[in-house]
N, C-alpha and C. Protein backbone atom coordinates (compact mmCIF):
# COMPACT_ATOMS: atom_id res chain seq x y z
N MET A 1 -19.68 191.68 -17.88
CA MET A 1 -20.66 192.62 -17.37
C MET A 1 -22.03 192.30 -18.01
N ARG A 2 -23.01 192.02 -17.18
CA ARG A 2 -24.33 191.67 -17.69
C ARG A 2 -25.08 192.91 -18.20
N GLU A 3 -25.86 192.70 -19.22
CA GLU A 3 -26.67 193.79 -19.77
C GLU A 3 -27.83 194.09 -18.82
N TRP A 4 -28.15 195.37 -18.70
CA TRP A 4 -29.27 195.79 -17.86
C TRP A 4 -30.53 195.84 -18.73
N THR A 5 -31.25 194.77 -18.77
CA THR A 5 -32.43 194.68 -19.63
C THR A 5 -33.66 195.36 -19.03
N THR A 6 -33.68 195.54 -17.73
CA THR A 6 -34.84 196.15 -17.06
C THR A 6 -34.81 197.67 -17.14
N ILE A 7 -33.62 198.24 -17.20
CA ILE A 7 -33.48 199.70 -17.20
C ILE A 7 -33.56 200.24 -18.62
N ARG A 8 -34.44 201.22 -18.81
CA ARG A 8 -34.65 201.80 -20.13
C ARG A 8 -33.80 203.06 -20.37
N LEU A 9 -33.32 203.67 -19.31
CA LEU A 9 -32.49 204.87 -19.45
C LEU A 9 -31.11 204.47 -19.95
N THR A 10 -30.50 205.33 -20.71
CA THR A 10 -29.19 204.99 -21.27
C THR A 10 -28.10 206.01 -20.90
N GLU A 11 -28.48 207.23 -20.57
CA GLU A 11 -27.50 208.27 -20.30
C GLU A 11 -27.52 208.70 -18.84
N ALA A 12 -26.35 209.05 -18.34
CA ALA A 12 -26.22 209.51 -16.96
C ALA A 12 -27.08 210.74 -16.70
N ALA A 13 -27.15 211.64 -17.68
CA ALA A 13 -27.93 212.86 -17.50
C ALA A 13 -29.41 212.57 -17.22
N GLN A 14 -29.94 211.49 -17.78
CA GLN A 14 -31.33 211.12 -17.53
C GLN A 14 -31.55 210.79 -16.05
N VAL A 15 -30.60 210.08 -15.46
CA VAL A 15 -30.72 209.71 -14.05
C VAL A 15 -30.50 210.93 -13.17
N LEU A 16 -29.54 211.76 -13.52
CA LEU A 16 -29.31 212.97 -12.72
C LEU A 16 -30.53 213.88 -12.71
N GLU A 17 -31.25 213.90 -13.81
CA GLU A 17 -32.49 214.69 -13.85
C GLU A 17 -33.51 214.13 -12.86
N LEU A 18 -33.59 212.81 -12.74
CA LEU A 18 -34.50 212.19 -11.78
C LEU A 18 -34.05 212.43 -10.34
N ILE A 19 -32.74 212.37 -10.14
CA ILE A 19 -32.20 212.61 -8.79
C ILE A 19 -32.44 214.06 -8.39
N GLY A 20 -32.23 214.97 -9.35
CA GLY A 20 -32.50 216.38 -9.11
C GLY A 20 -31.61 217.03 -8.08
N ASP A 21 -30.38 216.59 -7.97
CA ASP A 21 -29.46 217.08 -6.95
C ASP A 21 -28.45 218.02 -7.59
N ASP A 22 -28.41 219.24 -7.11
CA ASP A 22 -27.45 220.21 -7.63
C ASP A 22 -26.01 219.85 -7.26
N ASP A 23 -25.85 219.05 -6.21
CA ASP A 23 -24.51 218.66 -5.76
C ASP A 23 -24.01 217.39 -6.43
N ALA A 24 -24.76 216.86 -7.39
CA ALA A 24 -24.36 215.62 -8.06
C ALA A 24 -23.08 215.87 -8.86
N PRO A 25 -22.27 214.83 -9.00
CA PRO A 25 -21.04 215.02 -9.76
C PRO A 25 -21.33 215.34 -11.22
N PRO A 26 -20.47 216.10 -11.85
CA PRO A 26 -20.69 216.45 -13.26
C PRO A 26 -20.54 215.22 -14.16
N VAL A 27 -21.27 215.24 -15.25
CA VAL A 27 -21.17 214.16 -16.21
C VAL A 27 -20.80 214.74 -17.57
N ALA A 28 -20.08 213.96 -18.31
CA ALA A 28 -19.75 214.37 -19.67
C ALA A 28 -21.00 214.26 -20.53
N GLU A 29 -21.12 215.14 -21.48
CA GLU A 29 -22.28 215.10 -22.37
C GLU A 29 -22.35 213.73 -23.04
N GLY A 30 -23.51 213.11 -22.94
CA GLY A 30 -23.72 211.81 -23.55
C GLY A 30 -23.11 210.64 -22.79
N GLN A 31 -22.59 210.89 -21.56
CA GLN A 31 -21.98 209.78 -20.80
C GLN A 31 -23.01 208.68 -20.57
N ALA A 32 -22.59 207.47 -20.79
CA ALA A 32 -23.46 206.31 -20.61
C ALA A 32 -23.79 206.13 -19.13
N LEU A 33 -25.02 205.73 -18.88
CA LEU A 33 -25.48 205.49 -17.51
C LEU A 33 -24.59 204.45 -16.82
N ARG A 34 -24.29 203.38 -17.54
CA ARG A 34 -23.53 202.29 -16.93
C ARG A 34 -22.15 202.74 -16.47
N SER A 35 -21.45 203.53 -17.27
CA SER A 35 -20.12 204.01 -16.87
C SER A 35 -20.24 204.98 -15.70
N PHE A 36 -21.27 205.81 -15.69
CA PHE A 36 -21.50 206.74 -14.59
C PHE A 36 -21.75 205.97 -13.30
N TYR A 37 -22.56 204.92 -13.40
CA TYR A 37 -22.84 204.08 -12.23
C TYR A 37 -21.56 203.43 -11.73
N GLU A 38 -20.76 202.88 -12.61
CA GLU A 38 -19.52 202.21 -12.21
C GLU A 38 -18.57 203.20 -11.52
N GLU A 39 -18.50 204.43 -12.02
CA GLU A 39 -17.68 205.46 -11.37
C GLU A 39 -18.20 205.75 -9.96
N ALA A 40 -19.52 205.90 -9.84
CA ALA A 40 -20.13 206.15 -8.53
C ALA A 40 -19.87 204.99 -7.58
N ARG A 41 -19.99 203.78 -8.11
CA ARG A 41 -19.78 202.58 -7.28
C ARG A 41 -18.35 202.54 -6.75
N GLY A 42 -17.41 203.00 -7.54
CA GLY A 42 -16.01 203.04 -7.11
C GLY A 42 -15.72 204.11 -6.08
N ARG A 43 -16.53 205.16 -6.04
CA ARG A 43 -16.32 206.28 -5.11
C ARG A 43 -17.05 206.09 -3.79
N ASP A 44 -18.36 205.77 -3.89
CA ASP A 44 -19.21 205.83 -2.70
C ASP A 44 -20.44 204.94 -2.92
N ALA A 45 -20.60 203.94 -2.09
CA ALA A 45 -21.71 202.99 -2.25
C ALA A 45 -23.07 203.67 -2.15
N ALA A 46 -23.21 204.64 -1.24
CA ALA A 46 -24.50 205.33 -1.10
C ALA A 46 -24.83 206.12 -2.38
N GLU A 47 -23.82 206.74 -2.96
CA GLU A 47 -24.02 207.46 -4.22
C GLU A 47 -24.44 206.49 -5.32
N ALA A 48 -23.82 205.33 -5.37
CA ALA A 48 -24.17 204.31 -6.37
C ALA A 48 -25.60 203.81 -6.15
N VAL A 49 -26.01 203.68 -4.90
CA VAL A 49 -27.40 203.29 -4.60
C VAL A 49 -28.36 204.32 -5.16
N ARG A 50 -28.01 205.59 -4.99
CA ARG A 50 -28.87 206.65 -5.53
C ARG A 50 -28.97 206.55 -7.06
N VAL A 51 -27.86 206.28 -7.70
CA VAL A 51 -27.85 206.22 -9.17
C VAL A 51 -28.68 205.05 -9.67
N ILE A 52 -28.39 203.85 -9.19
CA ILE A 52 -29.11 202.69 -9.72
C ILE A 52 -30.57 202.68 -9.26
N GLY A 53 -30.81 203.17 -8.05
CA GLY A 53 -32.19 203.23 -7.56
C GLY A 53 -33.07 204.14 -8.40
N HIS A 54 -32.50 205.24 -8.86
CA HIS A 54 -33.25 206.17 -9.72
C HIS A 54 -33.33 205.67 -11.16
N ALA A 55 -32.42 204.79 -11.54
CA ALA A 55 -32.44 204.26 -12.91
C ALA A 55 -33.49 203.16 -13.08
N LEU A 56 -33.76 202.43 -12.00
CA LEU A 56 -34.76 201.36 -12.08
C LEU A 56 -36.14 201.93 -12.37
N PRO A 57 -36.98 201.18 -13.08
CA PRO A 57 -38.39 201.59 -13.20
C PRO A 57 -39.02 201.63 -11.81
N ARG A 58 -40.05 202.43 -11.64
CA ARG A 58 -40.66 202.63 -10.32
C ARG A 58 -41.03 201.32 -9.62
N ARG A 59 -41.75 200.45 -10.30
CA ARG A 59 -42.19 199.21 -9.65
C ARG A 59 -40.99 198.37 -9.20
N GLU A 60 -39.99 198.24 -10.06
CA GLU A 60 -38.81 197.47 -9.70
C GLU A 60 -38.06 198.12 -8.54
N ALA A 61 -38.01 199.44 -8.52
CA ALA A 61 -37.37 200.14 -7.41
C ALA A 61 -38.11 199.86 -6.10
N LEU A 62 -39.42 199.84 -6.16
CA LEU A 62 -40.21 199.55 -4.95
C LEU A 62 -40.02 198.10 -4.50
N ILE A 63 -39.96 197.18 -5.44
CA ILE A 63 -39.72 195.77 -5.08
C ILE A 63 -38.35 195.65 -4.41
N TRP A 64 -37.35 196.30 -5.00
CA TRP A 64 -35.99 196.30 -4.45
C TRP A 64 -35.97 196.89 -3.03
N ALA A 65 -36.55 198.05 -2.87
CA ALA A 65 -36.55 198.71 -1.57
C ALA A 65 -37.31 197.88 -0.54
N SER A 66 -38.44 197.34 -0.92
CA SER A 66 -39.22 196.52 -0.01
C SER A 66 -38.40 195.31 0.46
N HIS A 67 -37.72 194.69 -0.47
CA HIS A 67 -36.88 193.53 -0.14
C HIS A 67 -35.78 193.93 0.84
N MET A 68 -35.13 195.04 0.58
CA MET A 68 -34.04 195.48 1.45
C MET A 68 -34.55 195.84 2.85
N LEU A 69 -35.69 196.51 2.93
CA LEU A 69 -36.24 196.86 4.24
C LEU A 69 -36.69 195.62 4.99
N GLU A 70 -37.21 194.63 4.26
CA GLU A 70 -37.61 193.38 4.91
C GLU A 70 -36.40 192.64 5.45
N LEU A 71 -35.29 192.66 4.73
CA LEU A 71 -34.07 192.03 5.24
C LEU A 71 -33.64 192.67 6.55
N GLU A 72 -33.68 193.98 6.61
CA GLU A 72 -33.30 194.69 7.83
C GLU A 72 -34.31 194.43 8.95
N ALA A 73 -35.58 194.29 8.59
CA ALA A 73 -36.62 194.03 9.60
C ALA A 73 -36.41 192.68 10.28
N LYS A 74 -35.81 191.73 9.56
CA LYS A 74 -35.50 190.43 10.17
C LYS A 74 -34.40 190.59 11.22
N ALA A 75 -33.43 191.44 10.94
CA ALA A 75 -32.32 191.67 11.87
C ALA A 75 -32.72 192.57 13.03
N SER A 76 -33.57 193.54 12.75
CA SER A 76 -33.99 194.52 13.75
C SER A 76 -35.49 194.80 13.55
N PRO A 77 -36.35 194.02 14.23
CA PRO A 77 -37.79 194.15 14.02
C PRO A 77 -38.29 195.59 14.23
N PRO A 78 -39.10 196.08 13.30
CA PRO A 78 -39.60 197.46 13.40
C PRO A 78 -40.75 197.57 14.39
N ASP A 79 -41.09 198.81 14.71
CA ASP A 79 -42.26 199.06 15.55
C ASP A 79 -43.52 198.60 14.81
N ARG A 80 -44.60 198.54 15.51
CA ARG A 80 -45.86 198.00 14.95
C ARG A 80 -46.35 198.78 13.73
N ALA A 81 -46.32 200.09 13.80
CA ALA A 81 -46.81 200.92 12.68
C ALA A 81 -45.91 200.77 11.46
N SER A 82 -44.61 200.67 11.67
CA SER A 82 -43.69 200.46 10.55
C SER A 82 -43.90 199.08 9.93
N ARG A 83 -44.12 198.09 10.78
CA ARG A 83 -44.39 196.74 10.27
C ARG A 83 -45.66 196.75 9.40
N HIS A 84 -46.66 197.49 9.85
CA HIS A 84 -47.90 197.60 9.08
C HIS A 84 -47.63 198.28 7.73
N ALA A 85 -46.80 199.30 7.73
CA ALA A 85 -46.47 200.00 6.48
C ALA A 85 -45.76 199.04 5.52
N LEU A 86 -44.82 198.26 6.02
CA LEU A 86 -44.13 197.27 5.17
C LEU A 86 -45.12 196.25 4.61
N ASP A 87 -46.05 195.82 5.45
CA ASP A 87 -47.06 194.84 5.01
C ASP A 87 -47.98 195.43 3.94
N CYS A 88 -48.35 196.70 4.09
CA CYS A 88 -49.20 197.35 3.08
C CYS A 88 -48.49 197.44 1.73
N VAL A 89 -47.21 197.76 1.76
CA VAL A 89 -46.45 197.83 0.52
C VAL A 89 -46.38 196.44 -0.12
N ALA A 90 -46.12 195.43 0.68
CA ALA A 90 -46.05 194.06 0.16
C ALA A 90 -47.38 193.64 -0.46
N ARG A 91 -48.48 193.98 0.18
CA ARG A 91 -49.81 193.64 -0.35
C ARG A 91 -50.02 194.33 -1.69
N TRP A 92 -49.65 195.62 -1.78
CA TRP A 92 -49.83 196.36 -3.03
C TRP A 92 -48.91 195.80 -4.13
N LEU A 93 -47.69 195.43 -3.78
CA LEU A 93 -46.79 194.85 -4.78
C LEU A 93 -47.33 193.52 -5.31
N ASP A 94 -47.97 192.75 -4.44
CA ASP A 94 -48.57 191.48 -4.87
C ASP A 94 -49.82 191.69 -5.72
N ASP A 95 -50.56 192.75 -5.43
CA ASP A 95 -51.81 193.03 -6.14
C ASP A 95 -51.95 194.54 -6.26
N PRO A 96 -51.46 195.14 -7.35
CA PRO A 96 -51.41 196.60 -7.47
C PRO A 96 -52.78 197.26 -7.69
N GLU A 97 -53.69 196.92 -6.85
CA GLU A 97 -55.03 197.53 -6.88
C GLU A 97 -54.94 198.91 -6.21
N ASP A 98 -55.71 199.86 -6.70
CA ASP A 98 -55.60 201.22 -6.20
C ASP A 98 -55.95 201.34 -4.71
N SER A 99 -56.87 200.54 -4.23
CA SER A 99 -57.21 200.63 -2.81
C SER A 99 -56.01 200.22 -1.94
N TYR A 100 -55.21 199.29 -2.41
CA TYR A 100 -54.01 198.90 -1.67
C TYR A 100 -52.95 199.99 -1.74
N ARG A 101 -52.86 200.65 -2.89
CA ARG A 101 -51.92 201.78 -3.01
C ARG A 101 -52.31 202.88 -2.03
N ARG A 102 -53.60 203.17 -1.95
CA ARG A 102 -54.09 204.20 -1.02
C ARG A 102 -53.89 203.78 0.44
N ALA A 103 -53.97 202.49 0.71
CA ALA A 103 -53.71 202.00 2.06
C ALA A 103 -52.26 202.26 2.46
N CYS A 104 -51.38 202.27 1.48
CA CYS A 104 -49.97 202.60 1.75
C CYS A 104 -49.85 204.02 2.30
N TYR A 105 -50.66 204.93 1.78
CA TYR A 105 -50.63 206.31 2.28
C TYR A 105 -51.05 206.35 3.75
N ASP A 106 -52.14 205.69 4.07
CA ASP A 106 -52.63 205.67 5.45
C ASP A 106 -51.59 205.05 6.39
N ALA A 107 -50.94 203.97 5.92
CA ALA A 107 -49.92 203.32 6.73
C ALA A 107 -48.71 204.23 6.91
N ALA A 108 -48.34 204.96 5.86
CA ALA A 108 -47.22 205.89 5.96
C ALA A 108 -47.52 206.98 6.98
N GLU A 109 -48.72 207.49 6.93
CA GLU A 109 -49.11 208.55 7.87
C GLU A 109 -49.09 208.07 9.32
N ALA A 110 -49.36 206.79 9.54
CA ALA A 110 -49.40 206.24 10.90
C ALA A 110 -48.01 205.86 11.42
N ALA A 111 -47.06 205.64 10.51
CA ALA A 111 -45.71 205.23 10.91
C ALA A 111 -44.94 206.42 11.49
N PRO A 112 -43.96 206.14 12.33
CA PRO A 112 -43.14 207.23 12.90
C PRO A 112 -42.50 208.09 11.81
N ASP A 113 -42.37 209.37 12.10
CA ASP A 113 -41.83 210.33 11.13
C ASP A 113 -40.49 209.92 10.54
N MET A 114 -39.62 209.37 11.33
CA MET A 114 -38.27 209.07 10.88
C MET A 114 -38.10 207.63 10.39
N ALA A 115 -39.17 206.90 10.24
CA ALA A 115 -39.08 205.49 9.85
C ALA A 115 -38.89 205.33 8.35
N ALA A 116 -37.98 204.45 7.97
CA ALA A 116 -37.77 204.14 6.55
C ALA A 116 -39.02 203.49 5.96
N ALA A 117 -39.74 202.72 6.75
CA ALA A 117 -40.98 202.09 6.27
C ALA A 117 -42.01 203.15 5.89
N ARG A 118 -42.01 204.26 6.59
CA ARG A 118 -42.91 205.37 6.23
C ARG A 118 -42.56 205.88 4.83
N LEU A 119 -41.26 206.05 4.57
CA LEU A 119 -40.84 206.51 3.26
C LEU A 119 -41.22 205.51 2.18
N LEU A 120 -40.99 204.23 2.43
CA LEU A 120 -41.32 203.21 1.45
C LEU A 120 -42.80 203.21 1.13
N ALA A 121 -43.64 203.27 2.14
CA ALA A 121 -45.08 203.28 1.92
C ALA A 121 -45.51 204.53 1.15
N MET A 122 -44.90 205.66 1.46
CA MET A 122 -45.22 206.88 0.72
C MET A 122 -44.74 206.78 -0.72
N GLY A 123 -43.59 206.15 -0.93
CA GLY A 123 -43.10 205.91 -2.29
C GLY A 123 -44.09 205.08 -3.09
N ALA A 124 -44.65 204.05 -2.47
CA ALA A 124 -45.64 203.21 -3.15
C ALA A 124 -46.88 204.04 -3.50
N PHE A 125 -47.32 204.86 -2.57
CA PHE A 125 -48.48 205.71 -2.83
C PHE A 125 -48.22 206.66 -3.99
N MET A 126 -46.99 207.18 -4.09
CA MET A 126 -46.65 208.15 -5.13
C MET A 126 -46.25 207.49 -6.45
N SER A 127 -46.40 206.18 -6.57
CA SER A 127 -45.91 205.46 -7.73
C SER A 127 -46.77 205.61 -8.98
N GLY A 128 -47.96 206.09 -8.84
CA GLY A 128 -48.85 206.26 -9.99
C GLY A 128 -50.29 206.33 -9.51
N GLY A 129 -51.13 206.94 -10.26
CA GLY A 129 -52.50 207.14 -9.81
C GLY A 129 -52.62 208.44 -9.05
N SER A 130 -53.84 208.84 -8.83
CA SER A 130 -54.10 210.12 -8.19
C SER A 130 -53.67 210.10 -6.73
N ILE A 131 -53.13 211.23 -6.27
CA ILE A 131 -52.78 211.38 -4.87
C ILE A 131 -53.82 212.23 -4.13
N ALA A 132 -54.85 212.66 -4.85
CA ALA A 132 -55.94 213.41 -4.25
C ALA A 132 -56.92 212.42 -3.61
N PRO A 133 -57.74 212.89 -2.66
CA PRO A 133 -58.76 211.99 -2.11
C PRO A 133 -59.60 211.39 -3.24
N GLU A 134 -60.12 210.21 -2.99
CA GLU A 134 -60.83 209.46 -4.04
C GLU A 134 -61.99 210.23 -4.66
N ASP A 135 -62.68 211.03 -3.91
CA ASP A 135 -63.85 211.73 -4.43
C ASP A 135 -63.51 213.12 -4.99
N SER A 136 -62.22 213.36 -5.21
CA SER A 136 -61.76 214.66 -5.71
C SER A 136 -61.26 214.54 -7.14
N THR A 137 -61.02 215.68 -7.75
CA THR A 137 -60.40 215.71 -9.07
C THR A 137 -59.03 215.07 -8.97
N PRO A 138 -58.70 214.15 -9.88
CA PRO A 138 -57.41 213.47 -9.81
C PRO A 138 -56.22 214.43 -9.90
N VAL A 139 -55.21 214.14 -9.11
CA VAL A 139 -53.96 214.89 -9.12
C VAL A 139 -52.84 213.86 -9.17
N LEU A 140 -52.04 213.92 -10.22
CA LEU A 140 -50.94 212.96 -10.36
C LEU A 140 -49.70 213.46 -9.63
N PRO A 141 -48.92 212.55 -9.04
CA PRO A 141 -47.69 212.98 -8.36
C PRO A 141 -46.64 213.37 -9.37
N ASP A 142 -45.69 214.14 -8.92
CA ASP A 142 -44.51 214.46 -9.71
C ASP A 142 -43.85 213.13 -10.10
N GLU A 143 -43.37 213.03 -11.32
CA GLU A 143 -42.79 211.77 -11.82
C GLU A 143 -41.57 211.31 -11.03
N THR A 144 -40.87 212.21 -10.38
CA THR A 144 -39.66 211.84 -9.66
C THR A 144 -39.90 211.49 -8.19
N SER A 145 -41.07 211.81 -7.67
CA SER A 145 -41.33 211.63 -6.24
C SER A 145 -41.17 210.20 -5.78
N CYS A 146 -41.76 209.28 -6.49
CA CYS A 146 -41.69 207.87 -6.09
C CYS A 146 -40.26 207.40 -5.93
N LEU A 147 -39.43 207.64 -6.92
CA LEU A 147 -38.05 207.16 -6.87
C LEU A 147 -37.24 207.86 -5.79
N ARG A 148 -37.40 209.16 -5.65
CA ARG A 148 -36.65 209.89 -4.62
C ARG A 148 -36.97 209.36 -3.23
N ILE A 149 -38.25 209.17 -2.97
CA ILE A 149 -38.68 208.69 -1.65
C ILE A 149 -38.24 207.25 -1.43
N THR A 150 -38.39 206.42 -2.44
CA THR A 150 -38.05 205.00 -2.33
C THR A 150 -36.56 204.80 -2.11
N VAL A 151 -35.74 205.49 -2.88
CA VAL A 151 -34.29 205.40 -2.71
C VAL A 151 -33.90 205.94 -1.33
N GLY A 152 -34.58 206.98 -0.90
CA GLY A 152 -34.34 207.52 0.44
C GLY A 152 -34.59 206.48 1.52
N ALA A 153 -35.61 205.65 1.34
CA ALA A 153 -35.91 204.59 2.32
C ALA A 153 -34.76 203.60 2.40
N VAL A 154 -34.18 203.24 1.26
CA VAL A 154 -33.06 202.29 1.26
C VAL A 154 -31.84 202.90 1.93
N ILE A 155 -31.52 204.13 1.60
CA ILE A 155 -30.35 204.77 2.20
C ILE A 155 -30.54 204.99 3.69
N LYS A 156 -31.72 205.39 4.09
CA LYS A 156 -32.01 205.57 5.52
C LYS A 156 -31.82 204.26 6.26
N THR A 157 -32.33 203.18 5.69
CA THR A 157 -32.19 201.86 6.31
C THR A 157 -30.73 201.48 6.42
N ALA A 158 -29.96 201.77 5.38
CA ALA A 158 -28.52 201.45 5.42
C ALA A 158 -27.84 202.12 6.60
N TYR A 159 -28.13 203.40 6.81
CA TYR A 159 -27.46 204.14 7.88
C TYR A 159 -28.00 203.79 9.26
N GLN A 160 -29.14 203.14 9.32
CA GLN A 160 -29.66 202.66 10.60
C GLN A 160 -29.24 201.22 10.88
N SER A 161 -28.69 200.57 9.88
CA SER A 161 -28.25 199.18 9.99
C SER A 161 -26.98 199.10 10.84
N GLU A 162 -26.78 197.95 11.47
CA GLU A 162 -25.55 197.74 12.23
C GLU A 162 -24.34 197.61 11.31
N ASP A 163 -24.58 197.25 10.05
CA ASP A 163 -23.51 197.10 9.07
C ASP A 163 -23.86 197.92 7.83
N THR A 164 -23.66 199.22 7.91
CA THR A 164 -24.03 200.12 6.83
C THR A 164 -23.39 199.72 5.50
N ASN A 165 -22.09 199.48 5.52
CA ASN A 165 -21.40 199.13 4.27
C ASN A 165 -21.89 197.81 3.71
N GLY A 166 -22.10 196.83 4.57
CA GLY A 166 -22.61 195.54 4.12
C GLY A 166 -24.00 195.67 3.53
N PHE A 167 -24.84 196.48 4.17
CA PHE A 167 -26.19 196.69 3.66
C PHE A 167 -26.16 197.37 2.30
N LEU A 168 -25.35 198.42 2.16
CA LEU A 168 -25.25 199.13 0.88
C LEU A 168 -24.74 198.21 -0.22
N GLU A 169 -23.74 197.40 0.10
CA GLU A 169 -23.19 196.48 -0.90
C GLU A 169 -24.26 195.47 -1.34
N ARG A 170 -25.00 194.95 -0.39
CA ARG A 170 -26.06 194.00 -0.75
C ARG A 170 -27.15 194.70 -1.57
N ALA A 171 -27.50 195.92 -1.19
CA ALA A 171 -28.49 196.68 -1.95
C ALA A 171 -28.04 196.87 -3.39
N LEU A 172 -26.76 197.13 -3.58
CA LEU A 172 -26.23 197.29 -4.94
C LEU A 172 -26.29 195.97 -5.72
N LEU A 173 -25.91 194.89 -5.08
CA LEU A 173 -25.95 193.59 -5.75
C LEU A 173 -27.38 193.22 -6.16
N VAL A 174 -28.33 193.45 -5.27
CA VAL A 174 -29.73 193.13 -5.58
C VAL A 174 -30.23 194.03 -6.70
N ALA A 175 -29.92 195.32 -6.64
CA ALA A 175 -30.35 196.25 -7.70
C ALA A 175 -29.73 195.89 -9.05
N GLU A 176 -28.46 195.52 -9.04
CA GLU A 176 -27.81 195.10 -10.28
C GLU A 176 -28.48 193.84 -10.85
N ASP A 177 -28.82 192.92 -9.97
CA ASP A 177 -29.52 191.71 -10.41
C ASP A 177 -30.91 192.04 -10.98
N ILE A 178 -31.61 192.95 -10.33
CA ILE A 178 -32.92 193.36 -10.85
C ILE A 178 -32.75 194.00 -12.22
N ALA A 179 -31.74 194.84 -12.36
CA ALA A 179 -31.49 195.50 -13.65
C ALA A 179 -31.20 194.48 -14.74
N ALA A 180 -30.51 193.40 -14.41
CA ALA A 180 -30.11 192.42 -15.41
C ALA A 180 -31.11 191.27 -15.58
N LEU A 181 -31.70 190.82 -14.49
CA LEU A 181 -32.51 189.60 -14.52
C LEU A 181 -34.01 189.82 -14.35
N GLY A 182 -34.39 191.00 -13.85
CA GLY A 182 -35.78 191.23 -13.48
C GLY A 182 -35.94 190.97 -11.99
N ALA A 183 -37.03 191.46 -11.43
CA ALA A 183 -37.21 191.42 -9.98
C ALA A 183 -37.34 190.01 -9.42
N LYS A 184 -38.16 189.19 -10.03
CA LYS A 184 -38.41 187.86 -9.48
C LYS A 184 -37.12 187.04 -9.41
N ALA A 185 -36.39 186.96 -10.51
CA ALA A 185 -35.15 186.19 -10.54
C ALA A 185 -34.11 186.79 -9.60
N ALA A 186 -34.06 188.10 -9.49
CA ALA A 186 -33.09 188.75 -8.62
C ALA A 186 -33.35 188.42 -7.16
N LEU A 187 -34.61 188.45 -6.75
CA LEU A 187 -34.92 188.16 -5.35
C LEU A 187 -34.67 186.69 -5.04
N GLU A 188 -34.95 185.82 -5.99
CA GLU A 188 -34.63 184.40 -5.80
C GLU A 188 -33.12 184.21 -5.64
N ALA A 189 -32.35 184.90 -6.46
CA ALA A 189 -30.88 184.81 -6.35
C ALA A 189 -30.39 185.33 -5.02
N ASP A 190 -31.01 186.40 -4.53
CA ASP A 190 -30.56 186.98 -3.26
C ASP A 190 -30.86 186.06 -2.09
N THR A 191 -31.94 185.33 -2.12
CA THR A 191 -32.26 184.42 -1.02
C THR A 191 -31.27 183.27 -0.95
N LYS A 192 -30.55 183.02 -2.04
CA LYS A 192 -29.55 181.95 -2.07
C LYS A 192 -28.16 182.44 -1.67
N ARG A 193 -27.99 183.74 -1.47
CA ARG A 193 -26.67 184.29 -1.09
C ARG A 193 -26.33 183.88 0.31
């Protein structure tokens, strides 16, 4: 079992706090994150996606989600507005300038309400920095918003995929690789699968 060098959280309770779900399974006091994840992975792939997605740092979670949505976009091309939202997120990930982060918000607003790309772009916008208009007093997003929205984009994409289980399994493998190897090495490994 490879060590998760990217993830800084160590206890299951820390991730459950980020998930914020009252229906989450109970955890033993002090239960290790890794054992909690392995239990979730054995029960339900979507639940495991929620756990590891919330455990990743925000930027790595966004890189992971963007990669997964791009894979699905190759199989099932999105509408024009969703494609634009995916492109805005990719631009911001390549160059995390605030104007690109704000462009993610505009792209999210233009994308269809039920589109996973809309969620991803909103997750990027909520990743840090003010969410108020530029000429207003800064307002920071809730610390959990980015991860909740970003993980939601991955799960939504899985259930819209022709192979939900295959998509979830690949999402878990990529997230595990990001946790152990970092984003760049993980994405390189995934392209060789």
